[in-house]
Amino acid sequence: MTDLTVKLGLNVFKPLPAPHIKIKAGMERDPRLKAAVRGCPAGLYSVSETGEFVLTIDGCLECGTCRIACGTEVLEWGYPEGGAGVQFRFG
């Protein structure tokens, strides 16, 4: 395990009933999402066996990298409500 992986494992993520980031309907195969796969510091984006991009929201750092890399045409992005989302732990 890398030092970054260990540090990310210390964070706590409190989910909302609905995710604060979503891939827009019909955009699961949009090539702009490749930037999120490469750029997300938490590694939340991946490509399925069928070639669709997949977002796993648990562990999101709320940094906005995916929004900047992909644009708002592909993603619905917003900050979670207070009391939800990431809680950073320092160790």
N, C-alpha and C. Protein backbone atom coordinates (compact mmCIF):
# COMPACT_ATOMS: atom_id res chain seq x y z
N MET A 1 0.83 -1.18 0.00
CA MET A 1 0.00 0.00 0.00
C MET A 1 0.88 1.25 0.00
N THR A 2 0.48 2.24 -0.79
CA THR A 2 1.24 3.48 -0.82
C THR A 2 0.86 4.37 0.35
N ASP A 3 1.70 5.34 0.64
CA ASP A 3 1.40 6.27 1.71
C ASP A 3 0.09 7.01 1.45
N LEU A 4 -0.17 7.37 0.18
CA LEU A 4 -1.41 8.06 -0.16
C LEU A 4 -2.62 7.19 0.13
N THR A 5 -2.55 5.93 -0.23
CA THR A 5 -3.66 5.00 0.02
C THR A 5 -3.92 4.87 1.51
N VAL A 6 -2.88 4.80 2.29
CA VAL A 6 -3.02 4.70 3.74
C VAL A 6 -3.68 5.96 4.29
N LYS A 7 -3.25 7.13 3.84
CA LYS A 7 -3.82 8.38 4.33
C LYS A 7 -5.27 8.53 3.91
N LEU A 8 -5.60 8.15 2.67
CA LEU A 8 -6.99 8.22 2.22
C LEU A 8 -7.88 7.29 3.03
N GLY A 9 -7.31 6.18 3.49
CA GLY A 9 -8.06 5.22 4.30
C GLY A 9 -8.44 5.76 5.66
N LEU A 10 -7.80 6.83 6.11
CA LEU A 10 -8.13 7.43 7.40
C LEU A 10 -9.38 8.31 7.33
N ASN A 11 -9.71 8.79 6.13
CA ASN A 11 -10.87 9.66 5.96
C ASN A 11 -12.16 8.88 6.21
N VAL A 12 -13.19 9.62 6.58
CA VAL A 12 -14.52 9.05 6.79
C VAL A 12 -15.44 9.69 5.76
N PHE A 13 -16.31 8.90 5.14
CA PHE A 13 -17.24 9.42 4.16
C PHE A 13 -18.65 9.14 4.63
N LYS A 14 -19.42 10.20 4.80
CA LYS A 14 -20.82 10.07 5.22
C LYS A 14 -21.70 10.31 4.00
N PRO A 15 -22.32 9.27 3.47
CA PRO A 15 -23.10 9.42 2.23
C PRO A 15 -24.43 10.12 2.44
N LEU A 16 -24.92 10.70 1.37
CA LEU A 16 -26.26 11.28 1.31
C LEU A 16 -27.22 10.24 0.73
N PRO A 17 -28.53 10.46 0.84
CA PRO A 17 -29.47 9.54 0.19
C PRO A 17 -29.27 9.50 -1.34
N ALA A 18 -28.89 10.63 -1.92
CA ALA A 18 -28.59 10.70 -3.36
C ALA A 18 -27.16 11.23 -3.52
N PRO A 19 -26.39 10.70 -4.44
CA PRO A 19 -25.00 11.14 -4.60
C PRO A 19 -24.90 12.60 -5.05
N HIS A 20 -23.84 13.27 -4.63
CA HIS A 20 -23.64 14.67 -5.00
C HIS A 20 -22.94 14.83 -6.36
N ILE A 21 -22.45 13.74 -6.89
CA ILE A 21 -21.85 13.74 -8.23
C ILE A 21 -22.45 12.55 -8.99
N LYS A 22 -22.85 12.80 -10.22
CA LYS A 22 -23.39 11.73 -11.07
C LYS A 22 -22.90 11.92 -12.49
N ILE A 23 -22.71 10.82 -13.18
CA ILE A 23 -22.50 10.88 -14.62
C ILE A 23 -23.88 11.06 -15.23
N LYS A 24 -24.04 12.08 -16.07
CA LYS A 24 -25.35 12.36 -16.65
C LYS A 24 -25.83 11.18 -17.49
N ALA A 25 -27.14 10.99 -17.51
CA ALA A 25 -27.75 9.90 -18.27
C ALA A 25 -27.34 10.00 -19.74
N GLY A 26 -26.94 8.87 -20.29
CA GLY A 26 -26.53 8.80 -21.69
C GLY A 26 -25.08 9.19 -21.93
N MET A 27 -24.37 9.60 -20.90
CA MET A 27 -22.97 10.03 -21.05
C MET A 27 -21.97 9.00 -20.53
N GLU A 28 -22.45 7.79 -20.21
CA GLU A 28 -21.59 6.77 -19.61
C GLU A 28 -20.44 6.33 -20.51
N ARG A 29 -20.52 6.61 -21.79
CA ARG A 29 -19.45 6.22 -22.72
C ARG A 29 -18.71 7.43 -23.30
N ASP A 30 -18.99 8.61 -22.78
CA ASP A 30 -18.38 9.83 -23.30
C ASP A 30 -16.87 9.82 -23.07
N PRO A 31 -16.08 10.03 -24.10
CA PRO A 31 -14.62 9.96 -23.95
C PRO A 31 -14.03 11.01 -23.02
N ARG A 32 -14.76 12.08 -22.74
CA ARG A 32 -14.25 13.09 -21.81
C ARG A 32 -14.08 12.53 -20.41
N LEU A 33 -14.77 11.44 -20.10
CA LEU A 33 -14.66 10.84 -18.76
C LEU A 33 -13.31 10.15 -18.55
N LYS A 34 -12.55 9.92 -19.62
CA LYS A 34 -11.20 9.35 -19.46
C LYS A 34 -10.35 10.25 -18.58
N ALA A 35 -10.58 11.56 -18.66
CA ALA A 35 -9.81 12.50 -17.84
C ALA A 35 -10.09 12.28 -16.35
N ALA A 36 -11.30 11.90 -16.01
CA ALA A 36 -11.63 11.64 -14.61
C ALA A 36 -10.98 10.34 -14.13
N VAL A 37 -10.92 9.34 -14.99
CA VAL A 37 -10.27 8.08 -14.63
C VAL A 37 -8.80 8.36 -14.30
N ARG A 38 -8.16 9.17 -15.11
CA ARG A 38 -6.74 9.49 -14.89
C ARG A 38 -6.53 10.50 -13.77
N GLY A 39 -7.46 11.45 -13.62
CA GLY A 39 -7.20 12.58 -12.74
C GLY A 39 -7.75 12.51 -11.33
N CYS A 40 -8.75 11.68 -11.08
CA CYS A 40 -9.37 11.64 -9.76
C CYS A 40 -8.35 11.16 -8.72
N PRO A 41 -8.01 12.00 -7.73
CA PRO A 41 -7.00 11.58 -6.76
C PRO A 41 -7.45 10.43 -5.87
N ALA A 42 -8.75 10.23 -5.75
CA ALA A 42 -9.26 9.12 -4.93
C ALA A 42 -9.51 7.86 -5.76
N GLY A 43 -9.35 7.94 -7.08
CA GLY A 43 -9.52 6.77 -7.94
C GLY A 43 -10.94 6.26 -8.01
N LEU A 44 -11.92 7.16 -8.06
CA LEU A 44 -13.32 6.76 -8.01
C LEU A 44 -13.92 6.43 -9.37
N TYR A 45 -13.26 6.78 -10.43
CA TYR A 45 -13.77 6.52 -11.78
C TYR A 45 -13.05 5.32 -12.36
N SER A 46 -13.82 4.49 -13.07
CA SER A 46 -13.24 3.31 -13.72
C SER A 46 -14.03 3.02 -14.99
N VAL A 47 -13.56 2.04 -15.75
CA VAL A 47 -14.24 1.62 -16.97
C VAL A 47 -14.68 0.18 -16.78
N SER A 48 -15.97 -0.08 -17.03
CA SER A 48 -16.51 -1.43 -16.86
C SER A 48 -16.10 -2.31 -18.03
N GLU A 49 -16.40 -3.59 -17.92
CA GLU A 49 -16.10 -4.54 -19.00
C GLU A 49 -16.86 -4.21 -20.28
N THR A 50 -17.99 -3.51 -20.14
CA THR A 50 -18.79 -3.15 -21.31
C THR A 50 -18.34 -1.83 -21.93
N GLY A 51 -17.32 -1.19 -21.35
CA GLY A 51 -16.80 0.05 -21.89
C GLY A 51 -17.46 1.30 -21.36
N GLU A 52 -18.34 1.15 -20.37
CA GLU A 52 -18.98 2.31 -19.76
C GLU A 52 -18.14 2.81 -18.60
N PHE A 53 -18.14 4.12 -18.41
CA PHE A 53 -17.45 4.71 -17.26
C PHE A 53 -18.35 4.58 -16.04
N VAL A 54 -17.72 4.27 -14.91
CA VAL A 54 -18.45 4.02 -13.67
C VAL A 54 -17.87 4.93 -12.58
N LEU A 55 -18.74 5.52 -11.79
CA LEU A 55 -18.35 6.36 -10.67
C LEU A 55 -18.78 5.68 -9.38
N THR A 56 -17.82 5.47 -8.48
CA THR A 56 -18.11 4.97 -7.13
C THR A 56 -17.92 6.15 -6.20
N ILE A 57 -18.98 6.68 -5.65
CA ILE A 57 -18.95 7.95 -4.93
C ILE A 57 -18.29 7.87 -3.55
N ASP A 58 -18.35 6.70 -2.89
CA ASP A 58 -17.76 6.58 -1.55
C ASP A 58 -16.27 6.86 -1.60
N GLY A 59 -15.84 7.81 -0.79
CA GLY A 59 -14.43 8.17 -0.75
C GLY A 59 -14.13 9.44 -1.51
N CYS A 60 -15.14 10.11 -2.04
CA CYS A 60 -14.94 11.35 -2.80
C CYS A 60 -14.29 12.41 -1.90
N LEU A 61 -13.27 13.07 -2.41
CA LEU A 61 -12.57 14.12 -1.66
C LEU A 61 -13.17 15.50 -1.89
N GLU A 62 -14.18 15.59 -2.76
CA GLU A 62 -14.87 16.85 -3.06
C GLU A 62 -13.90 17.91 -3.57
N CYS A 63 -12.90 17.50 -4.32
CA CYS A 63 -11.87 18.43 -4.79
C CYS A 63 -12.25 19.14 -6.08
N GLY A 64 -13.16 18.56 -6.87
CA GLY A 64 -13.59 19.18 -8.11
C GLY A 64 -12.74 18.85 -9.32
N THR A 65 -11.77 17.96 -9.17
CA THR A 65 -10.91 17.60 -10.29
C THR A 65 -11.72 17.05 -11.46
N CYS A 66 -12.67 16.19 -11.18
CA CYS A 66 -13.47 15.59 -12.26
C CYS A 66 -14.31 16.63 -12.96
N ARG A 67 -14.82 17.58 -12.23
CA ARG A 67 -15.64 18.64 -12.82
C ARG A 67 -14.81 19.50 -13.77
N ILE A 68 -13.61 19.83 -13.36
CA ILE A 68 -12.73 20.64 -14.20
C ILE A 68 -12.27 19.83 -15.41
N ALA A 69 -11.92 18.56 -15.19
CA ALA A 69 -11.38 17.73 -16.26
C ALA A 69 -12.42 17.35 -17.31
N CYS A 70 -13.64 17.10 -16.88
CA CYS A 70 -14.67 16.58 -17.79
C CYS A 70 -15.67 17.63 -18.25
N GLY A 71 -15.94 18.59 -17.41
CA GLY A 71 -16.92 19.61 -17.73
C GLY A 71 -18.31 19.26 -17.24
N THR A 72 -19.15 20.26 -17.16
CA THR A 72 -20.49 20.08 -16.63
C THR A 72 -21.45 19.48 -17.65
N GLU A 73 -21.03 19.32 -18.88
CA GLU A 73 -21.89 18.67 -19.88
C GLU A 73 -21.98 17.17 -19.61
N VAL A 74 -20.98 16.62 -18.93
CA VAL A 74 -20.89 15.18 -18.70
C VAL A 74 -21.31 14.81 -17.27
N LEU A 75 -21.00 15.67 -16.32
CA LEU A 75 -21.24 15.38 -14.91
C LEU A 75 -22.24 16.34 -14.29
N GLU A 76 -23.04 15.83 -13.36
CA GLU A 76 -23.81 16.66 -12.45
C GLU A 76 -22.99 16.70 -11.17
N TRP A 77 -22.53 17.86 -10.78
CA TRP A 77 -21.59 17.98 -9.67
C TRP A 77 -22.05 19.06 -8.72
N GLY A 78 -22.05 18.76 -7.42
CA GLY A 78 -22.35 19.73 -6.39
C GLY A 78 -21.75 19.29 -5.08
N TYR A 79 -21.60 20.21 -4.17
CA TYR A 79 -21.10 19.84 -2.85
C TYR A 79 -22.21 19.15 -2.06
N PRO A 80 -21.85 18.20 -1.20
CA PRO A 80 -22.88 17.56 -0.37
C PRO A 80 -23.41 18.55 0.68
N GLU A 81 -24.59 18.25 1.19
CA GLU A 81 -25.17 19.06 2.25
C GLU A 81 -24.31 18.96 3.50
N GLY A 82 -24.44 19.95 4.36
CA GLY A 82 -23.68 19.96 5.61
C GLY A 82 -23.89 18.69 6.43
N GLY A 83 -22.83 18.19 7.01
CA GLY A 83 -22.90 16.97 7.80
C GLY A 83 -22.69 15.71 7.01
N ALA A 84 -22.60 15.82 5.68
CA ALA A 84 -22.38 14.66 4.82
C ALA A 84 -21.09 14.89 4.02
N GLY A 85 -20.67 13.86 3.33
CA GLY A 85 -19.46 13.97 2.51
C GLY A 85 -18.23 13.53 3.28
N VAL A 86 -17.10 14.05 2.88
CA VAL A 86 -15.82 13.61 3.44
C VAL A 86 -15.52 14.34 4.74
N GLN A 87 -14.96 13.60 5.68
CA GLN A 87 -14.37 14.15 6.89
C GLN A 87 -12.91 13.74 6.87
N PHE A 88 -12.03 14.72 6.74
CA PHE A 88 -10.61 14.42 6.66
C PHE A 88 -10.06 14.09 8.03
N ARG A 89 -9.25 13.05 8.06
CA ARG A 89 -8.56 12.64 9.28
C ARG A 89 -7.07 12.76 9.03
N PHE A 90 -6.37 13.31 9.96
CA PHE A 90 -4.93 13.47 9.81
C PHE A 90 -4.25 12.45 10.71
N GLY A 91 -3.25 11.80 10.16
CA GLY A 91 -2.59 10.78 10.96
C GLY A 91 -1.13 10.68 10.66
